mmCIF file of all heavy atoms, coordinates in Angstrom:
data_MODEL
# 
_entry.id   MODEL 
# 
loop_
_atom_site.group_PDB 
_atom_site.id 
_atom_site.type_symbol 
_atom_site.label_atom_id 
_atom_site.label_alt_id 
_atom_site.label_comp_id 
_atom_site.label_asym_id 
_atom_site.label_entity_id 
_atom_site.label_seq_id 
_atom_site.pdbx_PDB_ins_code 
_atom_site.Cartn_x 
_atom_site.Cartn_y 
_atom_site.Cartn_z 
_atom_site.occupancy 
_atom_site.B_iso_or_equiv 
_atom_site.pdbx_formal_charge 
_atom_site.auth_seq_id 
_atom_site.auth_comp_id 
_atom_site.auth_asym_id 
_atom_site.auth_atom_id 
_atom_site.pdbx_PDB_model_num 
ATOM 1   N N   . GLY A 1 1  ? -2.610 20.142 17.473  1.00 0.00 ? 1  GLY A N   1 
ATOM 2   C CA  . GLY A 1 1  ? -2.886 18.757 17.711  1.00 0.00 ? 1  GLY A CA  1 
ATOM 3   C C   . GLY A 1 1  ? -1.912 17.817 17.108  1.00 0.00 ? 1  GLY A C   1 
ATOM 4   O O   . GLY A 1 1  ? -1.013 18.144 16.294  1.00 0.00 ? 1  GLY A O   1 
ATOM 5   N N   . TYR A 1 2  ? -2.078 16.520 17.449  1.00 0.00 ? 2  TYR A N   1 
ATOM 6   C CA  . TYR A 1 2  ? -1.276 15.424 16.963  1.00 0.00 ? 2  TYR A CA  1 
ATOM 7   C C   . TYR A 1 2  ? -2.150 14.410 16.292  1.00 0.00 ? 2  TYR A C   1 
ATOM 8   O O   . TYR A 1 2  ? -3.285 14.182 16.710  1.00 0.00 ? 2  TYR A O   1 
ATOM 9   C CB  . TYR A 1 2  ? -0.506 14.744 18.121  1.00 0.00 ? 2  TYR A CB  1 
ATOM 10  C CG  . TYR A 1 2  ? 0.427  15.644 18.872  1.00 0.00 ? 2  TYR A CG  1 
ATOM 11  C CD1 . TYR A 1 2  ? -0.014 16.438 19.917  1.00 0.00 ? 2  TYR A CD1 1 
ATOM 12  C CD2 . TYR A 1 2  ? 1.777  15.713 18.507  1.00 0.00 ? 2  TYR A CD2 1 
ATOM 13  C CE1 . TYR A 1 2  ? 0.849  17.285 20.619  1.00 0.00 ? 2  TYR A CE1 1 
ATOM 14  C CE2 . TYR A 1 2  ? 2.640  16.548 19.190  1.00 0.00 ? 2  TYR A CE2 1 
ATOM 15  C CZ  . TYR A 1 2  ? 2.165  17.317 20.244  1.00 0.00 ? 2  TYR A CZ  1 
ATOM 16  O OH  . TYR A 1 2  ? 3.031  18.138 20.921  1.00 0.00 ? 2  TYR A OH  1 
ATOM 17  N N   . GLN A 1 3  ? -1.579 13.736 15.270  1.00 0.00 ? 3  GLN A N   1 
ATOM 18  C CA  . GLN A 1 3  ? -2.300 12.704 14.562  1.00 0.00 ? 3  GLN A CA  1 
ATOM 19  C C   . GLN A 1 3  ? -1.361 11.558 14.216  1.00 0.00 ? 3  GLN A C   1 
ATOM 20  O O   . GLN A 1 3  ? -0.181 11.749 14.008  1.00 0.00 ? 3  GLN A O   1 
ATOM 21  C CB  . GLN A 1 3  ? -2.973 13.238 13.293  1.00 0.00 ? 3  GLN A CB  1 
ATOM 22  C CG  . GLN A 1 3  ? -3.990 14.327 13.546  1.00 0.00 ? 3  GLN A CG  1 
ATOM 23  C CD  . GLN A 1 3  ? -4.761 14.704 12.288  1.00 0.00 ? 3  GLN A CD  1 
ATOM 24  O OE1 . GLN A 1 3  ? -5.198 13.835 11.527  1.00 0.00 ? 3  GLN A OE1 1 
ATOM 25  N NE2 . GLN A 1 3  ? -4.967 15.996 12.110  1.00 0.00 ? 3  GLN A NE2 1 
ATOM 26  N N   . GLY A 1 4  ? -1.923 10.362 14.121  1.00 0.00 ? 4  GLY A N   1 
ATOM 27  C CA  . GLY A 1 4  ? -1.157 9.207  13.698  1.00 0.00 ? 4  GLY A CA  1 
ATOM 28  C C   . GLY A 1 4  ? -2.014 8.294  12.845  1.00 0.00 ? 4  GLY A C   1 
ATOM 29  O O   . GLY A 1 4  ? -3.228 8.263  12.993  1.00 0.00 ? 4  GLY A O   1 
ATOM 30  N N   . GLY A 1 5  ? -1.373 7.547  11.914  1.00 0.00 ? 5  GLY A N   1 
ATOM 31  C CA  . GLY A 1 5  ? -2.189 6.694  11.032  1.00 0.00 ? 5  GLY A CA  1 
ATOM 32  C C   . GLY A 1 5  ? -1.344 5.872  10.101  1.00 0.00 ? 5  GLY A C   1 
ATOM 33  O O   . GLY A 1 5  ? -0.147 5.664  10.283  1.00 0.00 ? 5  GLY A O   1 
ATOM 34  N N   . ILE A 1 6  ? -2.011 5.406  9.041   1.00 0.00 ? 6  ILE A N   1 
ATOM 35  C CA  . ILE A 1 6  ? -1.402 4.547  8.043   1.00 0.00 ? 6  ILE A CA  1 
ATOM 36  C C   . ILE A 1 6  ? -1.643 5.116  6.652   1.00 0.00 ? 6  ILE A C   1 
ATOM 37  O O   . ILE A 1 6  ? -2.555 5.907  6.459   1.00 0.00 ? 6  ILE A O   1 
ATOM 38  C CB  . ILE A 1 6  ? -1.980 3.104  8.147   1.00 0.00 ? 6  ILE A CB  1 
ATOM 39  C CG1 . ILE A 1 6  ? -3.513 3.148  7.955   1.00 0.00 ? 6  ILE A CG1 1 
ATOM 40  C CG2 . ILE A 1 6  ? -1.580 2.458  9.485   1.00 0.00 ? 6  ILE A CG2 1 
ATOM 41  C CD1 . ILE A 1 6  ? -4.144 1.756  7.932   1.00 0.00 ? 6  ILE A CD1 1 
ATOM 42  N N   . TYR A 1 7  ? -0.833 4.642  5.685   1.00 0.00 ? 7  TYR A N   1 
ATOM 43  C CA  . TYR A 1 7  ? -1.028 5.091  4.289   1.00 0.00 ? 7  TYR A CA  1 
ATOM 44  C C   . TYR A 1 7  ? -0.658 3.928  3.348   1.00 0.00 ? 7  TYR A C   1 
ATOM 45  O O   . TYR A 1 7  ? 0.005  2.980  3.729   1.00 0.00 ? 7  TYR A O   1 
ATOM 46  C CB  . TYR A 1 7  ? -0.156 6.297  3.978   1.00 0.00 ? 7  TYR A CB  1 
ATOM 47  C CG  . TYR A 1 7  ? 1.306  6.079  4.049   1.00 0.00 ? 7  TYR A CG  1 
ATOM 48  C CD1 . TYR A 1 7  ? 2.041  5.615  2.945   1.00 0.00 ? 7  TYR A CD1 1 
ATOM 49  C CD2 . TYR A 1 7  ? 2.012  6.344  5.214   1.00 0.00 ? 7  TYR A CD2 1 
ATOM 50  C CE1 . TYR A 1 7  ? 3.420  5.441  3.019   1.00 0.00 ? 7  TYR A CE1 1 
ATOM 51  C CE2 . TYR A 1 7  ? 3.385  6.166  5.308   1.00 0.00 ? 7  TYR A CE2 1 
ATOM 52  C CZ  . TYR A 1 7  ? 4.097  5.700  4.217   1.00 0.00 ? 7  TYR A CZ  1 
ATOM 53  O OH  . TYR A 1 7  ? 5.436  5.497  4.276   1.00 0.00 ? 7  TYR A OH  1 
ATOM 54  N N   . GLY A 1 8  ? -1.135 4.041  2.153   1.00 0.00 ? 8  GLY A N   1 
ATOM 55  C CA  . GLY A 1 8  ? -0.814 3.116  1.095   1.00 0.00 ? 8  GLY A CA  1 
ATOM 56  C C   . GLY A 1 8  ? -0.790 3.812  -0.235  1.00 0.00 ? 8  GLY A C   1 
ATOM 57  O O   . GLY A 1 8  ? -1.631 4.680  -0.525  1.00 0.00 ? 8  GLY A O   1 
ATOM 58  N N   . THR A 1 9  ? 0.168  3.454  -1.122  1.00 0.00 ? 9  THR A N   1 
ATOM 59  C CA  . THR A 1 9  ? 0.294  4.092  -2.408  1.00 0.00 ? 9  THR A CA  1 
ATOM 60  C C   . THR A 1 9  ? 0.568  3.037  -3.495  1.00 0.00 ? 9  THR A C   1 
ATOM 61  O O   . THR A 1 9  ? 1.386  2.130  -3.274  1.00 0.00 ? 9  THR A O   1 
ATOM 62  C CB  . THR A 1 9  ? 1.425  5.112  -2.402  1.00 0.00 ? 9  THR A CB  1 
ATOM 63  O OG1 . THR A 1 9  ? 1.252  6.026  -1.359  1.00 0.00 ? 9  THR A OG1 1 
ATOM 64  C CG2 . THR A 1 9  ? 1.445  5.862  -3.738  1.00 0.00 ? 9  THR A CG2 1 
ATOM 65  N N   . TRP A 1 10 ? -0.160 3.162  -4.593  1.00 0.00 ? 10 TRP A N   1 
ATOM 66  C CA  . TRP A 1 10 ? 0.088  2.326  -5.779  1.00 0.00 ? 10 TRP A CA  1 
ATOM 67  C C   . TRP A 1 10 ? 0.673  3.188  -6.895  1.00 0.00 ? 10 TRP A C   1 
ATOM 68  O O   . TRP A 1 10 ? 0.115  4.262  -7.200  1.00 0.00 ? 10 TRP A O   1 
ATOM 69  C CB  . TRP A 1 10 ? -1.202 1.651  -6.274  1.00 0.00 ? 10 TRP A CB  1 
ATOM 70  C CG  . TRP A 1 10 ? -1.029 1.048  -7.637  1.00 0.00 ? 10 TRP A CG  1 
ATOM 71  C CD1 . TRP A 1 10 ? -0.445 -0.158 -7.913  1.00 0.00 ? 10 TRP A CD1 1 
ATOM 72  C CD2 . TRP A 1 10 ? -1.481 1.593  -8.881  1.00 0.00 ? 10 TRP A CD2 1 
ATOM 73  N NE1 . TRP A 1 10 ? -0.501 -0.394 -9.259  1.00 0.00 ? 10 TRP A NE1 1 
ATOM 74  C CE2 . TRP A 1 10 ? -1.120 0.676  -9.887  1.00 0.00 ? 10 TRP A CE2 1 
ATOM 75  C CE3 . TRP A 1 10 ? -2.144 2.768  -9.268  1.00 0.00 ? 10 TRP A CE3 1 
ATOM 76  C CZ2 . TRP A 1 10 ? -1.387 0.889  -11.256 1.00 0.00 ? 10 TRP A CZ2 1 
ATOM 77  C CZ3 . TRP A 1 10 ? -2.407 2.996  -10.595 1.00 0.00 ? 10 TRP A CZ3 1 
ATOM 78  C CH2 . TRP A 1 10 ? -2.041 2.056  -11.592 1.00 0.00 ? 10 TRP A CH2 1 
ATOM 79  N N   . TYR A 1 11 ? 1.800  2.748  -7.447  1.00 0.00 ? 11 TYR A N   1 
ATOM 80  C CA  . TYR A 1 11 ? 2.427  3.411  -8.591  1.00 0.00 ? 11 TYR A CA  1 
ATOM 81  C C   . TYR A 1 11 ? 2.226  2.503  -9.821  1.00 0.00 ? 11 TYR A C   1 
ATOM 82  O O   . TYR A 1 11 ? 2.567  1.325  -9.762  1.00 0.00 ? 11 TYR A O   1 
ATOM 83  C CB  . TYR A 1 11 ? 3.915  3.655  -8.345  1.00 0.00 ? 11 TYR A CB  1 
ATOM 84  C CG  . TYR A 1 11 ? 4.217  4.567  -7.201  1.00 0.00 ? 11 TYR A CG  1 
ATOM 85  C CD1 . TYR A 1 11 ? 4.611  4.051  -5.958  1.00 0.00 ? 11 TYR A CD1 1 
ATOM 86  C CD2 . TYR A 1 11 ? 4.141  5.947  -7.336  1.00 0.00 ? 11 TYR A CD2 1 
ATOM 87  C CE1 . TYR A 1 11 ? 4.896  4.855  -4.908  1.00 0.00 ? 11 TYR A CE1 1 
ATOM 88  C CE2 . TYR A 1 11 ? 4.413  6.775  -6.263  1.00 0.00 ? 11 TYR A CE2 1 
ATOM 89  C CZ  . TYR A 1 11 ? 4.792  6.239  -5.053  1.00 0.00 ? 11 TYR A CZ  1 
ATOM 90  O OH  . TYR A 1 11 ? 5.106  7.071  -3.993  1.00 0.00 ? 11 TYR A OH  1 
ATOM 91  N N   . GLY A 1 12 ? 1.790  3.101  -10.893 1.00 0.00 ? 12 GLY A N   1 
ATOM 92  C CA  . GLY A 1 12 ? 1.524  2.286  -12.093 1.00 0.00 ? 12 GLY A CA  1 
ATOM 93  C C   . GLY A 1 12 ? 2.695  1.955  -12.950 1.00 0.00 ? 12 GLY A C   1 
ATOM 94  O O   . GLY A 1 12 ? 2.618  1.120  -13.854 1.00 0.00 ? 12 GLY A O   1 
ATOM 95  N N   . ARG A 1 13 ? 3.827  2.655  -12.731 1.00 0.00 ? 13 ARG A N   1 
ATOM 96  C CA  . ARG A 1 13 ? 5.030  2.447  -13.524 1.00 0.00 ? 13 ARG A CA  1 
ATOM 97  C C   . ARG A 1 13 ? 6.232  2.204  -12.638 1.00 0.00 ? 13 ARG A C   1 
ATOM 98  O O   . ARG A 1 13 ? 6.263  2.701  -11.488 1.00 0.00 ? 13 ARG A O   1 
ATOM 99  C CB  . ARG A 1 13 ? 5.309  3.649  -14.435 1.00 0.00 ? 13 ARG A CB  1 
ATOM 100 C CG  . ARG A 1 13 ? 4.282  3.841  -15.549 1.00 0.00 ? 13 ARG A CG  1 
ATOM 101 C CD  . ARG A 1 13 ? 4.673  5.022  -16.433 1.00 0.00 ? 13 ARG A CD  1 
ATOM 102 N NE  . ARG A 1 13 ? 3.713  5.230  -17.501 1.00 0.00 ? 13 ARG A NE  1 
ATOM 103 C CZ  . ARG A 1 13 ? 3.795  6.244  -18.379 1.00 0.00 ? 13 ARG A CZ  1 
ATOM 104 N NH1 . ARG A 1 13 ? 4.762  7.153  -18.224 1.00 0.00 ? 13 ARG A NH1 1 
ATOM 105 N NH2 . ARG A 1 13 ? 2.910  6.368  -19.330 1.00 0.00 ? 13 ARG A NH2 1 
ATOM 106 N N   . PRO A 1 14 ? 7.242  1.492  -13.143 1.00 0.00 ? 14 PRO A N   1 
ATOM 107 C CA  . PRO A 1 14 ? 8.477  1.312  -12.358 1.00 0.00 ? 14 PRO A CA  1 
ATOM 108 C C   . PRO A 1 14 ? 9.109  2.664  -12.033 1.00 0.00 ? 14 PRO A C   1 
ATOM 109 O O   . PRO A 1 14 ? 9.655  2.871  -10.952 1.00 0.00 ? 14 PRO A O   1 
ATOM 110 C CB  . PRO A 1 14 ? 9.388  0.493  -13.294 1.00 0.00 ? 14 PRO A CB  1 
ATOM 111 C CG  . PRO A 1 14 ? 8.422  -0.218 -14.205 1.00 0.00 ? 14 PRO A CG  1 
ATOM 112 C CD  . PRO A 1 14 ? 7.304  0.700  -14.408 1.00 0.00 ? 14 PRO A CD  1 
ATOM 113 N N   . ASP A 1 15 ? 9.057  3.624  -12.975 1.00 0.00 ? 15 ASP A N   1 
ATOM 114 C CA  . ASP A 1 15 ? 9.541  4.976  -12.741 1.00 0.00 ? 15 ASP A CA  1 
ATOM 115 C C   . ASP A 1 15 ? 8.383  5.723  -12.083 1.00 0.00 ? 15 ASP A C   1 
ATOM 116 O O   . ASP A 1 15 ? 7.485  6.232  -12.726 1.00 0.00 ? 15 ASP A O   1 
ATOM 117 C CB  . ASP A 1 15 ? 9.909  5.651  -14.050 1.00 0.00 ? 15 ASP A CB  1 
ATOM 118 C CG  . ASP A 1 15 ? 10.245 7.135  -13.891 1.00 0.00 ? 15 ASP A CG  1 
ATOM 119 O OD1 . ASP A 1 15 ? 10.478 7.531  -12.699 1.00 0.00 ? 15 ASP A OD1 1 
ATOM 120 O OD2 . ASP A 1 15 ? 10.291 7.835  -14.880 1.00 0.00 ? 15 ASP A OD2 1 
ATOM 121 N N   . ILE A 1 16 ? 8.422  5.826  -10.754 1.00 0.00 ? 16 ILE A N   1 
ATOM 122 C CA  . ILE A 1 16 ? 7.313  6.451  -10.012 1.00 0.00 ? 16 ILE A CA  1 
ATOM 123 C C   . ILE A 1 16 ? 7.302  7.962  -10.149 1.00 0.00 ? 16 ILE A C   1 
ATOM 124 O O   . ILE A 1 16 ? 6.405  8.612  -9.570  1.00 0.00 ? 16 ILE A O   1 
ATOM 125 C CB  . ILE A 1 16 ? 7.349  6.039  -8.537  1.00 0.00 ? 16 ILE A CB  1 
ATOM 126 C CG1 . ILE A 1 16 ? 8.599  6.582  -7.830  1.00 0.00 ? 16 ILE A CG1 1 
ATOM 127 C CG2 . ILE A 1 16 ? 7.265  4.527  -8.404  1.00 0.00 ? 16 ILE A CG2 1 
ATOM 128 C CD1 . ILE A 1 16 ? 8.591  6.336  -6.347  1.00 0.00 ? 16 ILE A CD1 1 
ATOM 129 N N   . LEU A 1 17 ? 8.258  8.545  -10.848 1.00 0.00 ? 17 LEU A N   1 
ATOM 130 C CA  . LEU A 1 17 ? 8.242  9.976  -11.094 1.00 0.00 ? 17 LEU A CA  1 
ATOM 131 C C   . LEU A 1 17 ? 7.182  10.359 -12.141 1.00 0.00 ? 17 LEU A C   1 
ATOM 132 O O   . LEU A 1 17 ? 6.829  11.513 -12.266 1.00 0.00 ? 17 LEU A O   1 
ATOM 133 C CB  . LEU A 1 17 ? 9.602  10.472 -11.563 1.00 0.00 ? 17 LEU A CB  1 
ATOM 134 C CG  . LEU A 1 17 ? 10.753 10.342 -10.532 1.00 0.00 ? 17 LEU A CG  1 
ATOM 135 C CD1 . LEU A 1 17 ? 12.048 10.776 -11.187 1.00 0.00 ? 17 LEU A CD1 1 
ATOM 136 C CD2 . LEU A 1 17 ? 10.447 11.204 -9.317  1.00 0.00 ? 17 LEU A CD2 1 
ATOM 137 N N   . SER A 1 18 ? 6.702  9.400  -12.880 1.00 0.00 ? 18 SER A N   1 
ATOM 138 C CA  . SER A 1 18 ? 5.706  9.682  -13.880 1.00 0.00 ? 18 SER A CA  1 
ATOM 139 C C   . SER A 1 18 ? 4.680  8.532  -13.957 1.00 0.00 ? 18 SER A C   1 
ATOM 140 O O   . SER A 1 18 ? 4.923  7.423  -13.441 1.00 0.00 ? 18 SER A O   1 
ATOM 141 C CB  . SER A 1 18 ? 6.374  9.863  -15.275 1.00 0.00 ? 18 SER A CB  1 
ATOM 142 O OG  . SER A 1 18 ? 6.993  8.668  -15.677 1.00 0.00 ? 18 SER A OG  1 
ATOM 143 N N   . GLY A 1 19 ? 3.555  8.817  -14.577 1.00 0.00 ? 19 GLY A N   1 
ATOM 144 C CA  . GLY A 1 19 ? 2.517  7.804  -14.720 1.00 0.00 ? 19 GLY A CA  1 
ATOM 145 C C   . GLY A 1 19 ? 1.440  7.876  -13.692 1.00 0.00 ? 19 GLY A C   1 
ATOM 146 O O   . GLY A 1 19 ? 1.371  8.785  -12.841 1.00 0.00 ? 19 GLY A O   1 
ATOM 147 N N   . PRO A 1 20 ? 0.497  6.924  -13.743 1.00 0.00 ? 20 PRO A N   1 
ATOM 148 C CA  . PRO A 1 20 ? -0.648 6.972  -12.824 1.00 0.00 ? 20 PRO A CA  1 
ATOM 149 C C   . PRO A 1 20 ? -0.296 6.546  -11.414 1.00 0.00 ? 20 PRO A C   1 
ATOM 150 O O   . PRO A 1 20 ? 0.682  5.813  -11.199 1.00 0.00 ? 20 PRO A O   1 
ATOM 151 C CB  . PRO A 1 20 ? -1.617 5.970  -13.491 1.00 0.00 ? 20 PRO A CB  1 
ATOM 152 C CG  . PRO A 1 20 ? -0.724 4.983  -14.143 1.00 0.00 ? 20 PRO A CG  1 
ATOM 153 C CD  . PRO A 1 20 ? 0.448  5.790  -14.674 1.00 0.00 ? 20 PRO A CD  1 
ATOM 154 N N   . TYR A 1 21 ? -1.075 6.997  -10.467 1.00 0.00 ? 21 TYR A N   1 
ATOM 155 C CA  . TYR A 1 21 ? -0.916 6.583  -9.054  1.00 0.00 ? 21 TYR A CA  1 
ATOM 156 C C   . TYR A 1 21 ? -2.229 6.711  -8.349  1.00 0.00 ? 21 TYR A C   1 
ATOM 157 O O   . TYR A 1 21 ? -3.131 7.435  -8.769  1.00 0.00 ? 21 TYR A O   1 
ATOM 158 C CB  . TYR A 1 21 ? 0.148  7.467  -8.349  1.00 0.00 ? 21 TYR A CB  1 
ATOM 159 C CG  . TYR A 1 21 ? -0.322 8.896  -8.120  1.00 0.00 ? 21 TYR A CG  1 
ATOM 160 C CD1 . TYR A 1 21 ? -1.024 9.207  -6.963  1.00 0.00 ? 21 TYR A CD1 1 
ATOM 161 C CD2 . TYR A 1 21 ? -0.099 9.899  -9.072  1.00 0.00 ? 21 TYR A CD2 1 
ATOM 162 C CE1 . TYR A 1 21 ? -1.467 10.527 -6.749  1.00 0.00 ? 21 TYR A CE1 1 
ATOM 163 C CE2 . TYR A 1 21 ? -0.549 11.197 -8.859  1.00 0.00 ? 21 TYR A CE2 1 
ATOM 164 C CZ  . TYR A 1 21 ? -1.253 11.492 -7.715  1.00 0.00 ? 21 TYR A CZ  1 
ATOM 165 O OH  . TYR A 1 21 ? -1.685 12.779 -7.500  1.00 0.00 ? 21 TYR A OH  1 
ATOM 166 N N   . VAL A 1 22 ? -2.338 5.960  -7.280  1.00 0.00 ? 22 VAL A N   1 
ATOM 167 C CA  . VAL A 1 22 ? -3.469 6.040  -6.340  1.00 0.00 ? 22 VAL A CA  1 
ATOM 168 C C   . VAL A 1 22 ? -2.888 6.112  -4.925  1.00 0.00 ? 22 VAL A C   1 
ATOM 169 O O   . VAL A 1 22 ? -2.047 5.285  -4.563  1.00 0.00 ? 22 VAL A O   1 
ATOM 170 C CB  . VAL A 1 22 ? -4.419 4.845  -6.474  1.00 0.00 ? 22 VAL A CB  1 
ATOM 171 C CG1 . VAL A 1 22 ? -5.533 4.942  -5.412  1.00 0.00 ? 22 VAL A CG1 1 
ATOM 172 C CG2 . VAL A 1 22 ? -5.037 4.807  -7.844  1.00 0.00 ? 22 VAL A CG2 1 
ATOM 173 N N   . ASP A 1 23 ? -3.327 7.065  -4.161  1.00 0.00 ? 23 ASP A N   1 
ATOM 174 C CA  . ASP A 1 23 ? -2.811 7.271  -2.772  1.00 0.00 ? 23 ASP A CA  1 
ATOM 175 C C   . ASP A 1 23 ? -3.974 7.338  -1.825  1.00 0.00 ? 23 ASP A C   1 
ATOM 176 O O   . ASP A 1 23 ? -4.979 8.012  -2.067  1.00 0.00 ? 23 ASP A O   1 
ATOM 177 C CB  . ASP A 1 23 ? -2.013 8.566  -2.745  1.00 0.00 ? 23 ASP A CB  1 
ATOM 178 C CG  . ASP A 1 23 ? -1.221 8.693  -1.466  1.00 0.00 ? 23 ASP A CG  1 
ATOM 179 O OD1 . ASP A 1 23 ? -0.416 7.807  -1.195  1.00 0.00 ? 23 ASP A OD1 1 
ATOM 180 O OD2 . ASP A 1 23 ? -1.405 9.704  -0.762  1.00 0.00 ? 23 ASP A OD2 1 
ATOM 181 N N   . THR A 1 24 ? -3.876 6.588  -0.687  1.00 0.00 ? 24 THR A N   1 
ATOM 182 C CA  . THR A 1 24 ? -4.904 6.612  0.309   1.00 0.00 ? 24 THR A CA  1 
ATOM 183 C C   . THR A 1 24 ? -4.298 6.622  1.715   1.00 0.00 ? 24 THR A C   1 
ATOM 184 O O   . THR A 1 24 ? -3.185 6.143  1.886   1.00 0.00 ? 24 THR A O   1 
ATOM 185 C CB  . THR A 1 24 ? -5.847 5.395  0.163   1.00 0.00 ? 24 THR A CB  1 
ATOM 186 O OG1 . THR A 1 24 ? -6.933 5.508  1.086   1.00 0.00 ? 24 THR A OG1 1 
ATOM 187 C CG2 . THR A 1 24 ? -5.097 4.096  0.433   1.00 0.00 ? 24 THR A CG2 1 
ATOM 188 N N   . TRP A 1 25 ? -4.998 7.248  2.668   1.00 0.00 ? 25 TRP A N   1 
ATOM 189 C CA  . TRP A 1 25 ? -4.497 7.284  4.050   1.00 0.00 ? 25 TRP A CA  1 
ATOM 190 C C   . TRP A 1 25 ? -5.644 7.446  5.046   1.00 0.00 ? 25 TRP A C   1 
ATOM 191 O O   . TRP A 1 25 ? -6.703 7.922  4.693   1.00 0.00 ? 25 TRP A O   1 
ATOM 192 C CB  . TRP A 1 25 ? -3.484 8.429  4.228   1.00 0.00 ? 25 TRP A CB  1 
ATOM 193 C CG  . TRP A 1 25 ? -3.882 9.783  3.765   1.00 0.00 ? 25 TRP A CG  1 
ATOM 194 C CD1 . TRP A 1 25 ? -3.575 10.370 2.599   1.00 0.00 ? 25 TRP A CD1 1 
ATOM 195 C CD2 . TRP A 1 25 ? -4.699 10.717 4.461   1.00 0.00 ? 25 TRP A CD2 1 
ATOM 196 N NE1 . TRP A 1 25 ? -4.126 11.649 2.522   1.00 0.00 ? 25 TRP A NE1 1 
ATOM 197 C CE2 . TRP A 1 25 ? -4.814 11.884 3.667   1.00 0.00 ? 25 TRP A CE2 1 
ATOM 198 C CE3 . TRP A 1 25 ? -5.316 10.717 5.746   1.00 0.00 ? 25 TRP A CE3 1 
ATOM 199 C CZ2 . TRP A 1 25 ? -5.546 13.010 4.074   1.00 0.00 ? 25 TRP A CZ2 1 
ATOM 200 C CZ3 . TRP A 1 25 ? -6.051 11.838 6.143   1.00 0.00 ? 25 TRP A CZ3 1 
ATOM 201 C CH2 . TRP A 1 25 ? -6.154 12.963 5.320   1.00 0.00 ? 25 TRP A CH2 1 
# 
């Protein structure tokens, strides 16, 4: 099957390689 949609991500630090995050889709 195929799917399409949207997503959003919050990064808690300027360096997004570390620190807290919230991801939703």
